[in-house]
Amino acid sequence: MQDFEQFIGSFSFDSRLAEVDINSSVAHTKMLVKAKIIDISDGEKIISGLTNILKDIKGNWELPKEEDVHYAIEKELIKRIGSVGGKMHTARSRNDQVATDLRIYLKQEIKIIVNLISDFQKVLVVKADENIDVIMPGFTHLQPAQPVSAAHHLLAYAWMVQRDKERLNDCYRRTDILPLGSAALAGTSFNIDRQYTAQLLGFKSISENSLDAVSDRDFAVEFVFCMSLTVLHLTRFCEEIILWMNPEFGYITIDDKFTSGSSIMPQKRNPDSAEVIRGKSGRIIGDLIALFTIIKSLPLAYNRDLQEDKPPVFDSLDNLKLCLEVMKEMVKSLEFVEKRVLKSTEKGFIAATEIADYLARNNVPFRLAHCIVRDIVLYCKKKSKTLNELSLEEYNKFSKIFKKDIFEYLDAKSVANIKTSYGGTSRRSVLHQIKNIKNKLELETK
């Protein structure tokens, strides 16, 4: 029988909700007193008992294990103050109680995670400031494409995770709805004041439909989706860190504490931190699929399946918070090997597009200019030359439009810095980006 109780129980994972459960119970009790559903003296005893339980929990006292944390707190309360403690559960069910606790908890966690993302962005902005004049190859299809500043590349991730924060803030809005007062599924006959409870617990609004309120876990699914997309963005950067550390690239160094050696090859430094983040993405995405599967085909209203919503929610947020902390520190230690990065821009004919643009600015239709430059690149490959190594006479074999000034468009730094369009990689544009994202970060702290 004990095994069965463990099977249906949830205390092992929902015990982290103890504080929010006590706080929501205090608010519910205050509402019961205000609505004259229980006496003031009974309410004071309940609130005092709950306050003492919370104080003990914060003092490392362990709540006795029961079926779930909600029943454990209620049982402990009755043990301490007597049967009056049972009045706390008037006009509510564990169904709306659990849904309320999870919403309160996730509202708190959303704020924490948004702040962690902001801290990561600040590191990216500092690194961008330091590397405005470092020019590197930009890639498409993992092939050299056009030169960009390293700052521009770093800022791409700053904007990427900015969207993650916006999604989380939007998720917060849908989480900020109070289900308490919906009772088991049909509401209650007691004359409760749900708006007052919402005010006490800091909810912006209350749920409109009691059936939906106790069975809704969309907010949890959305939250874990936000965790999944954020960690996917981190994995994209991790993949580049792993590539850039490879001696074939040799673009960056990171602090040794984010790497490990080999058990057999003494020369190795492996990018383990980046790889672990990449690996944890699978776990977090798995949490999302688990939630999808839990709510799939569930009839209204509450079903015990929903007890299993918490492990994937808690697992995803714990792991993402850890990934953000490690990512922030790892990027803080990242240094570009400027000479190696610049040398790499000589590969792949990455000034080719600029040569085509040069022709287009001199009234050659771009599609024709594209063909001319394609032939120039084929010629370079045949002659084992770079675009910089061709003479003006050689360029003129393909078009008489070319003048001496064509060589001004072959230097990687020059090519990057003439991309002055809004959002481009020129120095001016990158400085503008940095200013914009700093402004956003400052506004978010106000």
Protein backbone atom coordinates (compact mmCIF):
# COMPACT_ATOMS: atom_id res chain seq x y z
CA MET A 1 0.00 0.00 0.00
CA GLN A 2 2.88 2.34 0.72
CA ASP A 3 4.14 1.83 -2.82
CA PHE A 4 0.72 2.79 -4.18
CA GLU A 5 0.71 5.98 -2.10
CA GLN A 6 4.11 6.85 -3.54
CA PHE A 7 2.79 6.10 -7.01
CA ILE A 8 -0.15 8.49 -6.82
CA GLY A 9 1.65 11.03 -4.63
CA SER A 10 3.43 14.18 -5.78
CA PHE A 11 5.14 15.43 -2.60
CA SER A 12 8.58 14.49 -3.96
CA PHE A 13 8.34 17.20 -6.61
CA ASP A 14 5.60 19.62 -5.56
CA SER A 15 7.14 20.31 -2.13
CA ARG A 16 8.91 23.29 -3.72
CA LEU A 17 5.46 24.93 -3.86
CA ALA A 18 5.19 25.02 -0.06
CA GLU A 19 5.81 28.75 0.30
CA VAL A 20 3.43 29.81 -2.46
CA ASP A 21 0.80 27.37 -1.17
CA ILE A 22 0.99 28.91 2.29
CA ASN A 23 0.80 32.42 0.88
CA SER A 24 -2.22 31.56 -1.26
CA SER A 25 -3.87 29.90 1.76
CA VAL A 26 -3.29 33.02 3.86
CA ALA A 27 -4.92 35.14 1.14
CA HIS A 28 -7.83 32.71 0.85
CA THR A 29 -8.31 32.79 4.62
CA LYS A 30 -8.32 36.59 4.66
CA MET A 31 -10.98 36.53 1.97
CA LEU A 32 -13.08 34.05 3.98
CA VAL A 33 -12.91 36.40 6.97
CA LYS A 34 -13.77 39.48 4.86
CA ALA A 35 -16.75 37.65 3.35
CA LYS A 36 -17.87 36.59 6.86
CA ILE A 37 -17.63 32.93 5.87
CA ILE A 38 -15.42 32.19 8.92
CA ASP A 39 -14.96 34.11 12.16
CA ILE A 40 -12.17 36.65 12.61
CA SER A 41 -10.72 34.68 15.52
CA ASP A 42 -10.64 31.48 13.47
CA GLY A 43 -9.01 33.34 10.61
CA GLU A 44 -6.34 34.76 12.90
CA LYS A 45 -5.53 31.30 14.27
CA ILE A 46 -5.25 29.87 10.76
CA ILE A 47 -3.05 32.70 9.50
CA SER A 48 -0.83 32.55 12.59
CA GLY A 49 -0.44 28.79 12.22
CA LEU A 50 0.41 29.08 8.51
CA THR A 51 2.91 31.85 9.24
CA ASN A 52 4.68 29.69 11.79
CA ILE A 53 4.80 26.72 9.43
CA LEU A 54 6.37 28.91 6.75
CA LYS A 55 8.88 30.30 9.24
CA ASP A 56 9.87 26.76 10.21
CA ILE A 57 10.22 25.68 6.59
CA LYS A 58 12.50 28.64 5.89
CA GLY A 59 14.48 27.58 8.94
CA ASN A 60 15.21 24.22 7.31
CA TRP A 61 12.51 22.32 9.20
CA GLU A 62 11.19 19.58 6.93
CA LEU A 63 7.47 19.34 6.34
CA PRO A 64 6.28 15.77 7.03
CA LYS A 65 5.71 13.88 3.77
CA GLU A 66 2.14 13.32 2.67
CA GLU A 67 0.34 12.66 -0.60
CA ASP A 68 1.12 16.18 -1.79
CA VAL A 69 2.43 19.43 -0.34
CA HIS A 70 -1.05 20.97 -0.12
CA TYR A 71 -2.43 18.20 2.09
CA ALA A 72 0.82 18.10 4.08
CA ILE A 73 0.47 21.80 5.00
CA GLU A 74 -3.20 21.45 5.88
CA LYS A 75 -2.53 18.37 8.03
CA GLU A 76 0.34 20.11 9.83
CA LEU A 77 -1.85 23.16 10.42
CA ILE A 78 -4.61 21.05 12.01
CA LYS A 79 -2.00 19.27 14.10
CA ARG A 80 -0.77 22.64 15.42
CA ILE A 81 -4.01 24.62 15.93
CA GLY A 82 -6.68 21.94 16.07
CA SER A 83 -9.77 21.28 13.97
CA VAL A 84 -10.24 24.99 13.24
CA GLY A 85 -7.45 24.53 10.71
CA GLY A 86 -9.88 22.53 8.57
CA LYS A 87 -11.89 25.71 7.95
CA MET A 88 -9.08 26.97 5.74
CA HIS A 89 -10.28 24.74 2.92
CA THR A 90 -13.80 26.18 2.87
CA ALA A 91 -14.93 27.28 -0.63
CA ARG A 92 -11.98 25.85 -2.46
CA SER A 93 -10.72 22.55 -3.87
CA ARG A 94 -7.26 21.21 -4.35
CA ASN A 95 -8.03 21.58 -8.08
CA ASP A 96 -8.14 25.37 -8.03
CA GLN A 97 -5.55 25.48 -5.23
CA VAL A 98 -2.95 23.58 -7.29
CA ALA A 99 -3.59 25.65 -10.40
CA THR A 100 -3.20 28.85 -8.36
CA ASP A 101 0.04 27.74 -6.74
CA LEU A 102 1.63 26.83 -10.05
CA ARG A 103 0.66 30.17 -11.57
CA ILE A 104 2.11 32.10 -8.63
CA TYR A 105 5.31 30.08 -8.80
CA LEU A 106 5.76 30.58 -12.55
CA LYS A 107 5.08 34.31 -12.29
CA GLN A 108 8.01 34.51 -9.87
CA GLU A 109 10.23 32.33 -12.07
CA ILE A 110 9.44 34.28 -15.24
CA LYS A 111 10.79 37.44 -13.61
CA ILE A 112 13.94 35.62 -12.50
CA ILE A 113 14.58 34.13 -15.94
CA VAL A 114 13.97 37.46 -17.69
CA ASN A 115 16.60 39.02 -15.41
CA LEU A 116 19.04 36.19 -16.18
CA ILE A 117 18.57 36.78 -19.90
CA SER A 118 19.17 40.50 -19.38
CA ASP A 119 22.41 39.71 -17.53
CA PHE A 120 23.49 37.57 -20.48
CA GLN A 121 22.63 40.36 -22.90
CA LYS A 122 24.75 42.82 -20.92
CA VAL A 123 27.75 40.52 -21.32
CA LEU A 124 27.08 40.29 -25.07
CA VAL A 125 26.92 44.09 -25.32
CA VAL A 126 30.22 44.47 -23.43
CA LYS A 127 31.85 41.93 -25.76
CA ALA A 128 30.39 43.73 -28.78
CA ASP A 129 31.84 47.02 -27.54
CA GLU A 130 35.25 45.35 -27.25
CA ASN A 131 35.13 43.81 -30.73
CA ILE A 132 33.62 46.46 -32.98
CA ASP A 133 36.76 46.56 -35.13
CA VAL A 134 37.31 42.79 -35.26
CA ILE A 135 36.33 41.63 -38.74
CA MET A 136 35.38 38.02 -39.33
CA PRO A 137 33.74 35.95 -42.06
CA GLY A 138 29.98 35.85 -41.96
CA PHE A 139 28.59 32.50 -43.07
CA THR A 140 25.59 31.12 -44.88
CA HIS A 141 25.28 27.33 -45.22
CA LEU A 142 28.41 27.34 -43.02
CA GLN A 143 30.33 28.62 -46.05
CA PRO A 144 32.20 31.97 -46.11
CA ALA A 145 29.76 34.60 -47.37
CA GLN A 146 30.55 38.22 -46.49
CA PRO A 147 32.74 39.94 -43.88
CA VAL A 148 31.02 41.18 -40.72
CA SER A 149 32.24 42.67 -37.49
CA ALA A 150 32.47 40.29 -34.55
CA ALA A 151 30.36 42.79 -32.64
CA HIS A 152 27.59 42.45 -35.21
CA HIS A 153 27.71 38.68 -34.86
CA LEU A 154 27.49 38.86 -31.05
CA LEU A 155 24.64 41.35 -31.18
CA ALA A 156 22.61 38.94 -33.30
CA TYR A 157 22.33 36.79 -30.17
CA ALA A 158 21.49 39.79 -28.01
CA TRP A 159 18.48 40.52 -30.23
CA MET A 160 17.60 36.83 -30.40
CA VAL A 161 17.27 36.51 -26.63
CA GLN A 162 15.50 39.87 -26.48
CA ARG A 163 12.65 38.14 -28.28
CA ASP A 164 12.83 35.37 -25.68
CA LYS A 165 12.25 37.94 -22.94
CA GLU A 166 9.33 39.41 -24.85
CA ARG A 167 7.78 35.95 -25.19
CA LEU A 168 8.21 35.31 -21.47
CA ASN A 169 6.64 38.65 -20.59
CA ASP A 170 3.73 37.80 -22.86
CA CYS A 171 3.48 34.38 -21.20
CA TYR A 172 3.39 36.18 -17.84
CA ARG A 173 0.26 38.04 -18.96
CA ARG A 174 -1.61 34.76 -19.55
CA THR A 175 -0.26 33.27 -16.34
CA ASP A 176 -1.44 36.29 -14.35
CA ILE A 177 -5.04 35.01 -14.09
CA LEU A 178 -6.38 33.73 -10.76
CA PRO A 179 -8.21 30.36 -10.83
CA LEU A 180 -8.80 30.25 -7.05
CA GLY A 181 -12.54 30.34 -6.34
CA SER A 182 -13.36 27.93 -9.15
CA ALA A 183 -13.39 25.15 -6.53
CA ALA A 184 -13.46 21.61 -7.93
CA LEU A 185 -14.96 22.53 -11.32
CA ALA A 186 -18.30 24.32 -10.90
CA GLY A 187 -17.52 27.24 -8.60
CA THR A 188 -18.95 27.50 -5.09
CA SER A 189 -22.22 28.45 -3.39
CA PHE A 190 -20.34 30.52 -0.79
CA ASN A 191 -20.44 34.29 -1.33
CA ILE A 192 -16.70 34.62 -1.96
CA ASP A 193 -14.83 37.71 -3.16
CA ARG A 194 -12.47 36.52 -5.89
CA GLN A 195 -11.37 40.03 -6.81
CA TYR A 196 -10.17 40.58 -3.25
CA THR A 197 -8.19 37.31 -3.33
CA ALA A 198 -6.67 38.34 -6.65
CA GLN A 199 -5.67 41.68 -5.16
CA LEU A 200 -4.02 40.01 -2.17
CA LEU A 201 -2.08 37.56 -4.37
CA GLY A 202 -1.11 40.13 -7.00
CA PHE A 203 -3.13 38.72 -9.89
CA LYS A 204 -4.29 41.14 -12.57
CA SER A 205 -7.52 39.29 -13.35
CA ILE A 206 -9.63 36.27 -12.42
CA SER A 207 -10.67 33.31 -14.56
CA GLU A 208 -13.99 33.50 -16.37
CA ASN A 209 -14.93 29.82 -16.53
CA SER A 210 -14.48 27.44 -13.61
CA LEU A 211 -14.23 24.32 -15.80
CA ASP A 212 -11.46 25.89 -17.86
CA ALA A 213 -9.72 27.40 -14.81
CA VAL A 214 -9.03 24.10 -13.02
CA SER A 215 -8.04 22.18 -16.16
CA ASP A 216 -6.04 24.86 -18.00
CA ARG A 217 -2.32 24.19 -18.27
CA ASP A 218 -1.76 26.24 -21.42
CA PHE A 219 0.26 28.72 -19.41
CA ALA A 220 2.60 25.91 -18.28
CA VAL A 221 2.98 24.59 -21.83
CA GLU A 222 3.70 28.10 -23.08
CA PHE A 223 6.24 28.62 -20.32
CA VAL A 224 8.12 25.42 -21.20
CA PHE A 225 7.93 26.37 -24.89
CA CYS A 226 9.65 29.66 -23.95
CA MET A 227 12.30 27.66 -22.09
CA SER A 228 12.77 25.43 -25.14
CA LEU A 229 13.16 28.24 -27.64
CA THR A 230 15.55 30.14 -25.38
CA VAL A 231 17.80 27.10 -24.92
CA LEU A 232 17.70 26.50 -28.69
CA HIS A 233 19.09 30.00 -29.15
CA LEU A 234 21.83 29.22 -26.65
CA THR A 235 22.68 26.03 -28.55
CA ARG A 236 23.17 27.98 -31.77
CA PHE A 237 25.80 30.10 -30.05
CA CYS A 238 27.30 27.03 -28.37
CA GLU A 239 27.68 25.33 -31.75
CA GLU A 240 29.60 28.34 -33.03
CA ILE A 241 31.78 28.44 -29.93
CA ILE A 242 32.59 24.77 -30.48
CA LEU A 243 33.47 25.41 -34.12
CA TRP A 244 35.43 28.58 -33.43
CA MET A 245 37.54 26.81 -30.78
CA ASN A 246 38.50 24.11 -33.26
CA PRO A 247 42.10 24.70 -34.45
CA GLU A 248 40.85 24.64 -38.05
CA PHE A 249 39.07 27.89 -37.17
CA GLY A 250 41.05 29.12 -34.16
CA TYR A 251 38.85 32.20 -33.86
CA ILE A 252 38.44 32.32 -30.08
CA THR A 253 39.68 31.24 -26.70
CA ILE A 254 37.58 30.69 -23.59
CA ASP A 255 38.63 30.19 -19.99
CA ASP A 256 39.88 26.69 -19.20
CA LYS A 257 37.27 26.26 -16.48
CA PHE A 258 34.65 25.91 -19.23
CA THR A 259 36.61 23.12 -20.90
CA SER A 260 37.99 19.75 -19.89
CA GLY A 261 40.91 17.58 -20.87
CA SER A 262 40.94 14.12 -22.35
CA SER A 263 41.51 10.96 -20.30
CA ILE A 264 43.94 9.71 -22.95
CA MET A 265 45.03 12.68 -25.11
CA PRO A 266 46.98 15.21 -23.02
CA GLN A 267 46.87 17.95 -25.66
CA LYS A 268 43.07 18.22 -25.73
CA ARG A 269 40.88 20.99 -24.35
CA ASN A 270 37.28 20.09 -25.04
CA PRO A 271 34.46 22.68 -25.05
CA ASP A 272 32.43 20.69 -22.53
CA SER A 273 30.30 23.54 -21.17
CA ALA A 274 29.04 24.44 -24.63
CA GLU A 275 28.42 20.77 -25.36
CA VAL A 276 26.49 20.22 -22.12
CA ILE A 277 24.24 23.21 -22.88
CA ARG A 278 23.70 21.76 -26.34
CA GLY A 279 22.83 18.43 -24.72
CA LYS A 280 20.49 19.94 -22.14
CA SER A 281 18.42 21.39 -24.96
CA GLY A 282 17.23 17.87 -25.71
CA ARG A 283 16.09 17.48 -22.12
CA ILE A 284 14.20 20.78 -22.11
CA ILE A 285 12.56 20.06 -25.47
CA GLY A 286 11.64 16.66 -24.03
CA ASP A 287 9.91 18.46 -21.15
CA LEU A 288 7.80 20.34 -23.69
CA ILE A 289 6.81 17.13 -25.48
CA ALA A 290 5.97 15.55 -22.11
CA LEU A 291 3.56 18.40 -21.32
CA PHE A 292 1.97 18.21 -24.75
CA THR A 293 1.39 14.50 -24.21
CA ILE A 294 -0.01 14.95 -20.68
CA ILE A 295 -2.76 17.34 -21.78
CA LYS A 296 -3.49 15.58 -25.08
CA SER A 297 -7.14 14.38 -25.21
CA LEU A 298 -7.87 15.22 -21.56
CA PRO A 299 -11.62 15.66 -20.99
CA LEU A 300 -12.87 18.51 -18.82
CA ALA A 301 -12.31 19.28 -16.03
CA TYR A 302 -9.49 18.25 -13.71
CA ASN A 303 -7.82 14.87 -14.21
CA ARG A 304 -5.04 13.37 -12.10
CA ASP A 305 -2.84 13.33 -15.21
CA LEU A 306 -2.29 17.03 -14.54
CA GLN A 307 -0.34 16.15 -11.41
CA GLU A 308 2.48 15.22 -13.80
CA ASP A 309 2.71 18.76 -15.20
CA LYS A 310 5.15 19.90 -12.53
CA PRO A 311 8.23 17.70 -13.15
CA PRO A 312 8.68 18.93 -16.76
CA VAL A 313 7.97 22.53 -15.75
CA PHE A 314 10.44 22.45 -12.87
CA ASP A 315 13.05 20.53 -14.86
CA SER A 316 12.95 22.94 -17.79
CA LEU A 317 13.25 26.08 -15.68
CA ASP A 318 16.01 24.63 -13.45
CA ASN A 319 18.09 23.60 -16.43
CA LEU A 320 17.55 26.79 -18.41
CA LYS A 321 18.57 28.93 -15.43
CA LEU A 322 21.73 26.87 -15.10
CA CYS A 323 22.45 27.15 -18.83
CA LEU A 324 22.00 30.93 -18.77
CA GLU A 325 24.37 31.31 -15.83
CA VAL A 326 27.07 29.16 -17.45
CA MET A 327 26.59 30.79 -20.86
CA LYS A 328 26.96 34.27 -19.38
CA GLU A 329 30.22 33.40 -17.64
CA MET A 330 31.59 31.49 -20.63
CA VAL A 331 30.94 34.37 -23.03
CA LYS A 332 32.41 36.79 -20.50
CA SER A 333 35.69 34.86 -20.83
CA LEU A 334 35.54 34.65 -24.64
CA GLU A 335 38.34 36.39 -26.53
CA PHE A 336 38.68 36.70 -30.31
CA VAL A 337 42.06 35.91 -31.89
CA GLU A 338 41.89 39.00 -34.08
CA LYS A 339 44.71 38.21 -36.52
CA ARG A 340 43.46 34.67 -37.10
CA VAL A 341 39.90 35.86 -37.61
CA LEU A 342 40.95 38.56 -40.09
CA LYS A 343 43.22 36.13 -41.95
CA SER A 344 40.22 33.85 -42.37
CA THR A 345 38.41 36.54 -44.37
CA GLU A 346 40.87 35.90 -47.20
CA LYS A 347 39.22 32.53 -47.82
CA GLY A 348 36.06 31.96 -49.78
CA PHE A 349 36.13 35.10 -51.97
CA ILE A 350 33.92 36.91 -49.47
CA ALA A 351 34.36 40.28 -51.22
CA ALA A 352 32.62 38.88 -54.33
CA THR A 353 29.24 40.42 -53.56
CA GLU A 354 30.85 43.82 -53.11
CA ILE A 355 32.44 43.55 -56.56
CA ALA A 356 29.02 42.79 -58.02
CA ASP A 357 27.60 45.80 -56.14
CA TYR A 358 30.48 47.90 -57.54
CA LEU A 359 29.39 46.99 -61.06
CA ALA A 360 25.73 47.62 -60.21
CA ARG A 361 26.59 51.10 -58.92
CA ASN A 362 28.20 51.70 -62.31
CA ASN A 363 24.96 50.95 -64.15
CA VAL A 364 25.53 47.25 -64.83
CA PRO A 365 22.30 45.24 -64.21
CA PHE A 366 22.88 43.28 -61.01
CA ARG A 367 22.05 39.92 -62.56
CA LEU A 368 24.70 40.54 -65.25
CA ALA A 369 27.14 41.79 -62.58
CA HIS A 370 26.52 38.57 -60.65
CA CYS A 371 27.50 36.52 -63.71
CA ILE A 372 30.64 38.59 -64.30
CA VAL A 373 31.83 38.12 -60.73
CA ARG A 374 31.03 34.41 -60.85
CA ASP A 375 33.37 34.15 -63.85
CA ILE A 376 36.04 36.14 -61.99
CA VAL A 377 35.84 33.71 -59.05
CA LEU A 378 36.14 30.71 -61.40
CA TYR A 379 39.19 32.36 -62.97
CA CYS A 380 40.73 32.89 -59.51
CA LYS A 381 40.21 29.24 -58.62
CA LYS A 382 41.80 28.14 -61.87
CA LYS A 383 44.81 30.42 -61.34
CA SER A 384 44.99 29.72 -57.58
CA LYS A 385 44.64 33.44 -56.83
CA THR A 386 42.58 35.51 -54.43
CA LEU A 387 40.49 38.50 -55.51
CA ASN A 388 43.14 40.77 -53.97
CA GLU A 389 45.88 39.21 -56.09
CA LEU A 390 44.29 40.00 -59.47
CA SER A 391 45.63 42.95 -61.42
CA LEU A 392 43.45 45.67 -62.89
CA GLU A 393 44.26 44.24 -66.32
CA GLU A 394 42.87 40.90 -65.24
CA TYR A 395 39.69 42.53 -63.92
CA ASN A 396 39.31 44.39 -67.21
CA LYS A 397 39.27 41.07 -69.07
CA PHE A 398 35.84 40.58 -67.56
CA SER A 399 34.59 44.18 -67.68
CA LYS A 400 36.02 47.52 -68.73
CA ILE A 401 33.93 49.12 -65.98
CA PHE A 402 36.58 48.23 -63.40
CA LYS A 403 38.87 51.11 -62.40
CA LYS A 404 41.68 51.40 -59.85
CA ASP A 405 39.15 52.08 -57.11
CA ILE A 406 37.97 48.45 -57.28
CA PHE A 407 40.81 47.57 -54.89
CA GLU A 408 39.20 49.74 -52.22
CA TYR A 409 36.36 47.22 -52.14
CA LEU A 410 38.48 44.12 -51.62
CA ASP A 411 39.69 44.77 -48.08
CA ALA A 412 37.51 42.93 -45.56
CA LYS A 413 37.34 45.84 -43.12
CA SER A 414 36.31 48.24 -45.86
CA VAL A 415 33.69 45.83 -47.17
CA ALA A 416 32.18 45.40 -43.71
CA ASN A 417 32.16 49.10 -42.94
CA ILE A 418 30.38 50.20 -46.09
CA LYS A 419 27.33 48.11 -45.13
CA THR A 420 25.69 51.23 -43.73
CA SER A 421 22.06 50.18 -44.13
CA TYR A 422 20.02 50.16 -40.92
CA GLY A 423 20.82 46.94 -39.05
CA GLY A 424 23.94 46.30 -41.14
CA THR A 425 27.47 45.48 -40.07
CA SER A 426 29.15 48.86 -40.57
CA ARG A 427 30.80 50.39 -37.54
CA ARG A 428 28.21 53.15 -37.46
CA SER A 429 25.32 50.69 -37.67
CA VAL A 430 26.80 48.47 -34.95
CA LEU A 431 27.28 51.43 -32.61
CA HIS A 432 23.64 52.33 -33.23
CA GLN A 433 22.62 48.74 -32.39
CA ILE A 434 24.57 48.83 -29.16
CA LYS A 435 22.92 52.11 -28.20
CA ASN A 436 19.46 50.70 -28.94
CA ILE A 437 19.88 47.52 -26.94
CA LYS A 438 21.41 49.42 -24.02
CA ASN A 439 18.37 51.69 -24.06
CA LYS A 440 16.07 48.68 -23.99
CA LEU A 441 17.92 47.17 -21.05
CA GLU A 442 17.81 50.47 -19.16
CA LEU A 443 14.07 50.88 -19.79
CA GLU A 444 13.40 47.36 -18.51
CA THR A 445 15.05 48.14 -15.18
CA LYS A 446 12.87 51.21 -14.57
